[in-house]
């Protein structure tokens, strides 16, 4: 935070961070559990999904958490998640059915 930034702006940024951090932490845990990845890898996946889908990190996190409760992950995020996981060589979750490529 630079010298040109007002204390009010800095306080607002801190407030926003405190509001969004819990859902980001939950999504981080979801990725670690579902894809058996390390904390740094889960963080890289979250950031990559956010960047590739051009969606704020806390919104990506909220969508991931909602997906654990039956809500489908929106397609742009789902596609970005697949790409991010492939780039980290993470296996699919144990509950995912095997893919039949013979079609």
Protein backbone atom coordinates (compact mmCIF):
# COMPACT_ATOMS: atom_id res chain seq x y z
CA UNK A 1 0.00 0.00 0.00
CA UNK A 2 1.63 3.16 -1.19
CA UNK A 3 2.02 6.51 0.54
CA UNK A 4 -0.55 8.04 -1.83
CA UNK A 5 -3.27 5.73 -0.52
CA UNK A 6 -5.51 7.17 2.13
CA UNK A 7 -6.03 5.42 5.44
CA UNK A 8 -9.71 5.14 4.53
CA UNK A 9 -8.92 3.26 1.31
CA UNK A 10 -6.52 0.97 3.15
CA UNK A 11 -9.14 0.28 5.81
CA UNK A 12 -11.70 -0.55 3.11
CA UNK A 13 -9.30 -3.01 1.47
CA UNK A 14 -8.66 -4.71 4.80
CA UNK A 15 -12.40 -4.91 5.49
CA UNK A 16 -13.02 -6.54 2.10
CA UNK A 17 -10.19 -9.00 2.69
CA UNK A 18 -11.65 -10.00 6.05
CA UNK A 19 -15.06 -10.56 4.47
CA UNK A 20 -13.81 -12.71 1.59
CA UNK A 21 -11.08 -14.69 3.35
CA UNK A 22 -13.31 -17.36 4.94
CA UNK A 23 -14.82 -18.52 1.64
CA UNK A 24 -11.38 -18.51 0.01
CA UNK A 25 -10.06 -20.69 2.85
CA UNK A 26 -13.04 -23.06 2.43
CA UNK A 27 -12.46 -23.39 -1.30
CA UNK A 28 -8.76 -23.98 -0.65
CA UNK A 29 -9.72 -26.87 1.61
CA UNK A 30 -12.23 -28.22 -0.91
CA UNK A 31 -9.53 -28.40 -3.57
CA UNK A 32 -7.05 -30.04 -1.19
CA UNK A 33 -9.61 -32.68 -0.17
CA UNK A 34 -11.17 -33.34 -3.55
CA UNK A 35 -7.96 -33.47 -5.56
CA UNK A 36 -5.54 -34.56 -2.82
CA UNK A 37 -3.22 -31.65 -3.49
CA UNK A 38 -0.89 -29.71 -1.26
CA UNK A 39 -1.84 -26.28 0.11
CA UNK A 40 0.47 -24.45 -2.34
CA UNK A 41 -0.94 -26.40 -5.28
CA UNK A 42 -4.53 -25.70 -4.20
CA UNK A 43 -3.68 -22.00 -3.99
CA UNK A 44 -2.10 -22.05 -7.47
CA UNK A 45 -5.21 -23.75 -8.85
CA UNK A 46 -7.51 -21.15 -7.28
CA UNK A 47 -5.45 -18.28 -8.65
CA UNK A 48 -5.20 -19.88 -12.09
CA UNK A 49 -8.97 -20.41 -12.29
CA UNK A 50 -9.55 -16.81 -11.27
CA UNK A 51 -7.12 -15.50 -13.85
CA UNK A 52 -8.19 -17.75 -16.73
CA UNK A 53 -11.89 -17.17 -16.17
CA UNK A 54 -11.34 -13.47 -15.40
CA UNK A 55 -13.41 -13.78 -12.21
CA UNK A 56 -12.46 -12.35 -8.82
CA UNK A 57 -10.84 -14.94 -6.56
CA UNK A 58 -13.52 -14.69 -3.88
CA UNK A 59 -16.25 -15.29 -6.48
CA UNK A 60 -14.43 -18.37 -7.78
CA UNK A 61 -14.09 -19.58 -4.20
CA UNK A 62 -17.78 -19.02 -3.44
CA UNK A 63 -18.79 -20.96 -6.57
CA UNK A 64 -16.50 -23.86 -5.61
CA UNK A 65 -17.96 -23.99 -2.11
CA UNK A 66 -21.53 -23.89 -3.49
CA UNK A 67 -20.63 -26.78 -5.81
CA UNK A 68 -20.08 -28.96 -2.73
CA UNK A 69 -23.75 -28.41 -1.90
CA UNK A 70 -25.11 -29.54 -5.25
CA UNK A 71 -24.97 -26.32 -7.24
CA UNK A 72 -23.18 -26.84 -10.55
CA UNK A 73 -19.96 -24.98 -11.14
CA UNK A 74 -20.53 -22.48 -13.98
CA UNK A 75 -18.96 -23.63 -17.25
CA UNK A 76 -16.26 -20.95 -17.54
CA UNK A 77 -15.05 -21.87 -14.04
CA UNK A 78 -15.40 -25.59 -14.64
CA UNK A 79 -13.31 -25.36 -17.80
CA UNK A 80 -10.69 -23.19 -16.10
CA UNK A 81 -10.57 -25.63 -13.17
CA UNK A 82 -9.96 -28.60 -15.49
CA UNK A 83 -7.17 -26.69 -17.22
CA UNK A 84 -5.57 -25.64 -13.94
CA UNK A 85 -5.72 -29.16 -12.54
CA UNK A 86 -4.24 -30.63 -15.71
CA UNK A 87 -1.36 -28.17 -15.54
CA UNK A 88 -0.61 -29.34 -11.99
CA UNK A 89 -1.06 -33.02 -12.95
CA UNK A 90 -3.69 -33.57 -10.26
CA UNK A 91 -5.72 -36.78 -10.58
CA UNK A 92 -9.53 -36.59 -10.77
CA UNK A 93 -11.36 -36.95 -7.45
CA UNK A 94 -11.87 -40.49 -6.19
CA UNK A 95 -15.65 -40.14 -6.53
CA UNK A 96 -15.47 -39.22 -10.23
CA UNK A 97 -16.57 -42.01 -12.55
CA UNK A 98 -13.96 -43.24 -15.02
CA UNK A 99 -14.20 -41.55 -18.37
CA UNK A 100 -15.09 -43.69 -21.38
CA UNK A 101 -13.12 -42.36 -24.33
CA UNK A 102 -14.46 -45.02 -26.74
CA UNK A 103 -17.37 -42.82 -27.87
